[in-house]
Amino acid sequence: MLILRLENAEGAATAYAKDALYRRWNTQHGGVYAPVTAATPPNPYLVDVPEREIRTPSGRLLTLLNHAYMIRQVYEMDGNGPEGHLVASRPLNPKNLPDAWENRALASFAAGKNESFAVMDTKERREFRLMRPLKLLRGCVPCHEAQGFKEGDIYGAMSIAVDMAPMKQTRGLVC
């Protein structure tokens, strides 16, 4: 028996809204710079972007983080919260290829739907999944126009997964 609590949907929707806001902020600023480290090497998918790397007056090497790279790194830092990532049918980064459920959701967005959600069992857990389409922002055009995209096109989506086990444990739910 499955009892889906509103908290699962609210948690996923909150994570999506936060990530969409960070995406917009990063894109409006043309990306952000961070020190080059083993954990943050230059983004190979931005190789044609002018000033992908810059050097500070003191000699420190910085690399440009676009929204996708920034969001990926943030989610990789936290194994306890919602999981999120960007997906696209034709991504620049192969890590952003959709799984089967995400692929069906992308097809539904192409047909005009604006949200997909499901409760799914994986090898590790039961999770509530939410996906909403992403429209190409003006700042994203330079990287994606060679793929035939223009500002305002739906070019992918943000996928969020919330583990349902903590809800079961803390709320006494049956999952």
C-alpha atoms as a PDB file:
ATOM      1  CA  MET A   1       0.000   0.000   0.000  1.00  0.00           C
ATOM      2  CA  LEU A   2       1.324   3.436  -0.896  1.00  0.00           C
ATOM      3  CA  ILE A   3       0.393   6.606   0.882  1.00  0.00           C
ATOM      4  CA  LEU A   4       1.953   9.580  -0.855  1.00  0.00           C
ATOM      5  CA  ARG A   5       2.224  12.547   1.435  1.00  0.00           C
ATOM      6  CA  LEU A   6       2.172  16.088   0.175  1.00  0.00           C
ATOM      7  CA  GLU A   7       5.627  16.599   1.699  1.00  0.00           C
ATOM      8  CA  ASN A   8       7.199  14.444  -1.052  1.00  0.00           C
ATOM      9  CA  ALA A   9       5.730  16.595  -3.810  1.00  0.00           C
ATOM     10  CA  GLU A  10       6.466  19.810  -1.913  1.00  0.00           C
ATOM     11  CA  GLY A  11      10.078  18.779  -1.304  1.00  0.00           C
ATOM     12  CA  ALA A  12      10.606  18.003  -4.978  1.00  0.00           C
ATOM     13  CA  ALA A  13       8.863  21.214  -6.078  1.00  0.00           C
ATOM     14  CA  THR A  14      10.931  23.278  -3.631  1.00  0.00           C
ATOM     15  CA  ALA A  15      14.175  21.693  -4.880  1.00  0.00           C
ATOM     16  CA  TYR A  16      13.123  22.375  -8.473  1.00  0.00           C
ATOM     17  CA  ALA A  17      12.255  26.017  -7.751  1.00  0.00           C
ATOM     18  CA  LYS A  18      15.576  26.583  -5.965  1.00  0.00           C
ATOM     19  CA  ASP A  19      17.567  24.986  -8.778  1.00  0.00           C
ATOM     20  CA  ALA A  20      15.665  26.932 -11.448  1.00  0.00           C
ATOM     21  CA  LEU A  21      16.405  30.165  -9.582  1.00  0.00           C
ATOM     22  CA  TYR A  22      20.122  29.327  -9.260  1.00  0.00           C
ATOM     23  CA  ARG A  23      20.170  28.394 -12.970  1.00  0.00           C
ATOM     24  CA  ARG A  24      18.647  31.731 -13.927  1.00  0.00           C
ATOM     25  CA  TRP A  25      20.985  33.680 -11.627  1.00  0.00           C
ATOM     26  CA  ASN A  26      24.077  31.910 -12.982  1.00  0.00           C
ATOM     27  CA  THR A  27      22.989  32.367 -16.592  1.00  0.00           C
ATOM     28  CA  GLN A  28      22.132  36.051 -16.149  1.00  0.00           C
ATOM     29  CA  HIS A  29      25.685  36.578 -14.882  1.00  0.00           C
ATOM     30  CA  GLY A  30      27.263  34.661 -17.753  1.00  0.00           C
ATOM     31  CA  GLY A  31      28.395  31.944 -15.350  1.00  0.00           C
ATOM     32  CA  VAL A  32      30.627  32.263 -12.305  1.00  0.00           C
ATOM     33  CA  TYR A  33      34.325  31.668 -11.823  1.00  0.00           C
ATOM     34  CA  ALA A  34      35.866  29.236  -9.343  1.00  0.00           C
ATOM     35  CA  PRO A  35      39.458  28.151  -8.711  1.00  0.00           C
ATOM     36  CA  VAL A  36      40.678  25.295 -10.902  1.00  0.00           C
ATOM     37  CA  THR A  37      41.140  22.210  -8.702  1.00  0.00           C
ATOM     38  CA  ALA A  38      41.055  18.450  -9.138  1.00  0.00           C
ATOM     39  CA  ALA A  39      37.355  18.592  -8.190  1.00  0.00           C
ATOM     40  CA  THR A  40      36.680  21.571 -10.476  1.00  0.00           C
ATOM     41  CA  PRO A  41      38.638  21.189 -13.692  1.00  0.00           C
ATOM     42  CA  PRO A  42      37.771  23.403 -16.667  1.00  0.00           C
ATOM     43  CA  ASN A  43      34.478  22.343 -18.240  1.00  0.00           C
ATOM     44  CA  PRO A  44      35.302  20.469 -21.473  1.00  0.00           C
ATOM     45  CA  TYR A  45      31.877  21.421 -22.874  1.00  0.00           C
ATOM     46  CA  LEU A  46      32.795  25.116 -22.713  1.00  0.00           C
ATOM     47  CA  VAL A  47      36.034  24.763 -24.675  1.00  0.00           C
ATOM     48  CA  ASP A  48      34.891  27.294 -27.324  1.00  0.00           C
ATOM     49  CA  VAL A  49      33.713  29.865 -24.780  1.00  0.00           C
ATOM     50  CA  PRO A  50      36.024  32.899 -24.634  1.00  0.00           C
ATOM     51  CA  GLU A  51      37.649  33.332 -21.221  1.00  0.00           C
ATOM     52  CA  ARG A  52      36.732  29.838 -20.037  1.00  0.00           C
ATOM     53  CA  GLU A  53      39.814  30.222 -17.859  1.00  0.00           C
ATOM     54  CA  ILE A  54      41.171  33.485 -16.502  1.00  0.00           C
ATOM     55  CA  ARG A  55      44.091  34.298 -14.277  1.00  0.00           C
ATOM     56  CA  THR A  56      43.773  36.728 -11.372  1.00  0.00           C
ATOM     57  CA  PRO A  57      46.384  39.468 -10.892  1.00  0.00           C
ATOM     58  CA  SER A  58      47.995  37.274  -8.195  1.00  0.00           C
ATOM     59  CA  GLY A  59      48.248  34.362 -10.659  1.00  0.00           C
ATOM     60  CA  ARG A  60      45.372  32.194  -9.457  1.00  0.00           C
ATOM     61  CA  LEU A  61      43.720  30.219 -12.275  1.00  0.00           C
ATOM     62  CA  LEU A  62      39.904  30.390 -12.375  1.00  0.00           C
ATOM     63  CA  THR A  63      37.490  28.481 -14.583  1.00  0.00           C
ATOM     64  CA  LEU A  64      34.011  29.409 -15.740  1.00  0.00           C
ATOM     65  CA  LEU A  65      31.133  27.409 -14.261  1.00  0.00           C
ATOM     66  CA  ASN A  66      27.941  27.479 -16.290  1.00  0.00           C
ATOM     67  CA  HIS A  67      24.658  26.629 -14.547  1.00  0.00           C
ATOM     68  CA  ALA A  68      24.740  22.938 -15.448  1.00  0.00           C
ATOM     69  CA  TYR A  69      28.259  22.432 -14.086  1.00  0.00           C
ATOM     70  CA  MET A  70      27.444  24.410 -10.944  1.00  0.00           C
ATOM     71  CA  ILE A  71      24.217  22.486 -10.231  1.00  0.00           C
ATOM     72  CA  ARG A  72      25.939  19.129 -10.827  1.00  0.00           C
ATOM     73  CA  GLN A  73      28.689  19.997  -8.346  1.00  0.00           C
ATOM     74  CA  VAL A  74      26.216  21.157  -5.702  1.00  0.00           C
ATOM     75  CA  TYR A  75      24.221  17.916  -5.886  1.00  0.00           C
ATOM     76  CA  GLU A  76      27.401  15.837  -5.738  1.00  0.00           C
ATOM     77  CA  MET A  77      28.264  17.544  -2.423  1.00  0.00           C
ATOM     78  CA  ASP A  78      25.104  16.407  -0.614  1.00  0.00           C
ATOM     79  CA  GLY A  79      24.098  12.762  -0.490  1.00  0.00           C
ATOM     80  CA  ASN A  80      21.304  13.368   2.028  1.00  0.00           C
ATOM     81  CA  GLY A  81      18.937  15.733   0.263  1.00  0.00           C
ATOM     82  CA  PRO A  82      16.939  15.594  -2.936  1.00  0.00           C
ATOM     83  CA  GLU A  83      18.850  14.553  -6.025  1.00  0.00           C
ATOM     84  CA  GLY A  84      18.655  16.661  -9.121  1.00  0.00           C
ATOM     85  CA  HIS A  85      20.192  16.910 -12.533  1.00  0.00           C
ATOM     86  CA  LEU A  86      19.587  18.372 -15.943  1.00  0.00           C
ATOM     87  CA  VAL A  87      18.576  16.099 -18.808  1.00  0.00           C
ATOM     88  CA  ALA A  88      18.175  16.569 -22.536  1.00  0.00           C
ATOM     89  CA  SER A  89      17.584  14.349 -25.544  1.00  0.00           C
ATOM     90  CA  ARG A  90      20.604  15.938 -27.235  1.00  0.00           C
ATOM     91  CA  PRO A  91      22.826  17.085 -24.349  1.00  0.00           C
ATOM     92  CA  LEU A  92      26.242  18.642 -24.747  1.00  0.00           C
ATOM     93  CA  ASN A  93      27.395  16.547 -21.762  1.00  0.00           C
ATOM     94  CA  PRO A  94      26.594  12.813 -22.073  1.00  0.00           C
ATOM     95  CA  LYS A  95      26.043  12.703 -18.277  1.00  0.00           C
ATOM     96  CA  ASN A  96      22.804  14.594 -19.008  1.00  0.00           C
ATOM     97  CA  LEU A  97      21.238  11.825 -21.093  1.00  0.00           C
ATOM     98  CA  PRO A  98      17.810  10.859 -19.752  1.00  0.00           C
ATOM     99  CA  ASP A  99      16.880   7.498 -18.281  1.00  0.00           C
ATOM    100  CA  ALA A 100      13.765   5.724 -19.604  1.00  0.00           C
ATOM    101  CA  TRP A 101      11.324   7.592 -17.334  1.00  0.00           C
ATOM    102  CA  GLU A 102      12.975  10.948 -18.069  1.00  0.00           C
ATOM    103  CA  ASN A 103      12.872  10.193 -21.804  1.00  0.00           C
ATOM    104  CA  ARG A 104       9.092   9.664 -21.636  1.00  0.00           C
ATOM    105  CA  ALA A 105       8.742  12.900 -19.668  1.00  0.00           C
ATOM    106  CA  LEU A 106      10.786  14.809 -22.275  1.00  0.00           C
ATOM    107  CA  ALA A 107       8.492  13.453 -25.005  1.00  0.00           C
ATOM    108  CA  SER A 108       5.461  14.635 -23.013  1.00  0.00           C
ATOM    109  CA  PHE A 109       6.985  18.133 -22.768  1.00  0.00           C
ATOM    110  CA  ALA A 110       7.426  18.207 -26.539  1.00  0.00           C
ATOM    111  CA  ALA A 111       3.691  17.444 -26.727  1.00  0.00           C
ATOM    112  CA  GLY A 112       2.848  20.397 -24.464  1.00  0.00           C
ATOM    113  CA  LYS A 113       2.812  18.908 -20.970  1.00  0.00           C
ATOM    114  CA  ASN A 114       4.545  21.041 -18.310  1.00  0.00           C
ATOM    115  CA  GLU A 115       5.258  18.495 -15.567  1.00  0.00           C
ATOM    116  CA  SER A 116       5.775  14.780 -14.982  1.00  0.00           C
ATOM    117  CA  PHE A 117       5.907  12.975 -11.662  1.00  0.00           C
ATOM    118  CA  ALA A 118       5.921   9.412 -10.407  1.00  0.00           C
ATOM    119  CA  VAL A 119       6.763   7.199  -7.454  1.00  0.00           C
ATOM    120  CA  MET A 120       9.428   4.745  -8.510  1.00  0.00           C
ATOM    121  CA  ASP A 121      11.395   1.920  -6.952  1.00  0.00           C
ATOM    122  CA  THR A 122      15.110   1.822  -7.720  1.00  0.00           C
ATOM    123  CA  LYS A 123      17.694  -0.697  -6.533  1.00  0.00           C
ATOM    124  CA  GLU A 124      18.448   1.538  -3.560  1.00  0.00           C
ATOM    125  CA  ARG A 125      15.149   3.104  -2.570  1.00  0.00           C
ATOM    126  CA  ARG A 126      11.619   4.245  -3.292  1.00  0.00           C
ATOM    127  CA  GLU A 127      11.539   7.827  -4.545  1.00  0.00           C
ATOM    128  CA  PHE A 128       9.177  10.534  -5.658  1.00  0.00           C
ATOM    129  CA  ARG A 129      10.352  11.948  -8.989  1.00  0.00           C
ATOM    130  CA  LEU A 130       9.445  15.299 -10.493  1.00  0.00           C
ATOM    131  CA  MET A 131      10.492  16.704 -13.836  1.00  0.00           C
ATOM    132  CA  ARG A 132       9.679  20.024 -15.490  1.00  0.00           C
ATOM    133  CA  PRO A 133      10.868  21.404 -18.821  1.00  0.00           C
ATOM    134  CA  LEU A 134      13.555  24.078 -19.128  1.00  0.00           C
ATOM    135  CA  LYS A 135      13.365  26.792 -21.729  1.00  0.00           C
ATOM    136  CA  LEU A 136      16.543  28.054 -23.295  1.00  0.00           C
ATOM    137  CA  LEU A 137      17.556  31.324 -21.654  1.00  0.00           C
ATOM    138  CA  ARG A 138      19.279  34.081 -23.630  1.00  0.00           C
ATOM    139  CA  GLY A 139      22.586  33.326 -21.914  1.00  0.00           C
ATOM    140  CA  CYS A 140      22.356  29.661 -22.975  1.00  0.00           C
ATOM    141  CA  VAL A 141      22.027  30.395 -26.696  1.00  0.00           C
ATOM    142  CA  PRO A 142      25.759  30.634 -27.494  1.00  0.00           C
ATOM    143  CA  CYS A 143      26.357  27.064 -26.294  1.00  0.00           C
ATOM    144  CA  HIS A 144      23.219  25.548 -27.840  1.00  0.00           C
ATOM    145  CA  GLU A 145      22.540  27.447 -31.070  1.00  0.00           C
ATOM    146  CA  ALA A 146      24.767  25.055 -33.054  1.00  0.00           C
ATOM    147  CA  GLN A 147      22.256  22.355 -32.051  1.00  0.00           C
ATOM    148  CA  GLY A 148      19.473  24.387 -33.692  1.00  0.00           C
ATOM    149  CA  PHE A 149      17.983  25.812 -30.487  1.00  0.00           C
ATOM    150  CA  LYS A 150      16.921  29.412 -29.993  1.00  0.00           C
ATOM    151  CA  GLU A 151      15.869  31.430 -26.963  1.00  0.00           C
ATOM    152  CA  GLY A 152      12.611  30.142 -25.480  1.00  0.00           C
ATOM    153  CA  ASP A 153      12.856  26.624 -26.934  1.00  0.00           C
ATOM    154  CA  ILE A 154      12.401  23.702 -24.586  1.00  0.00           C
ATOM    155  CA  TYR A 155      15.782  22.023 -24.805  1.00  0.00           C
ATOM    156  CA  GLY A 156      15.721  19.796 -21.755  1.00  0.00           C
ATOM    157  CA  ALA A 157      14.424  19.479 -18.235  1.00  0.00           C
ATOM    158  CA  MET A 158      15.362  19.412 -14.609  1.00  0.00           C
ATOM    159  CA  SER A 159      14.793  16.074 -12.901  1.00  0.00           C
ATOM    160  CA  ILE A 160      14.412  15.880  -9.108  1.00  0.00           C
ATOM    161  CA  ALA A 161      14.192  12.734  -6.962  1.00  0.00           C
ATOM    162  CA  VAL A 162      13.211  12.732  -3.281  1.00  0.00           C
ATOM    163  CA  ASP A 163      13.852   9.639  -1.153  1.00  0.00           C
ATOM    164  CA  MET A 164      10.582   8.520   0.418  1.00  0.00           C
ATOM    165  CA  ALA A 165      12.209   6.499   3.228  1.00  0.00           C
ATOM    166  CA  PRO A 166      12.829   9.473   5.547  1.00  0.00           C
ATOM    167  CA  MET A 167       9.164  10.393   5.181  1.00  0.00           C
ATOM    168  CA  LYS A 168       8.215   6.848   6.141  1.00  0.00           C
ATOM    169  CA  GLN A 169      10.520   6.877   9.158  1.00  0.00           C
ATOM    170  CA  THR A 170       9.658  10.329  10.464  1.00  0.00           C
ATOM    171  CA  ARG A 171       5.980  10.402   9.613  1.00  0.00           C
ATOM    172  CA  GLY A 172       4.994   6.753  10.083  1.00  0.00           C
ATOM    173  CA  LEU A 173       3.982   6.377   6.453  1.00  0.00           C
ATOM    174  CA  VAL A 174       3.408   3.144   4.624  1.00  0.00           C
ATOM    175  CA  CYS A 175       5.529   3.085   1.469  1.00  0.00           C
END
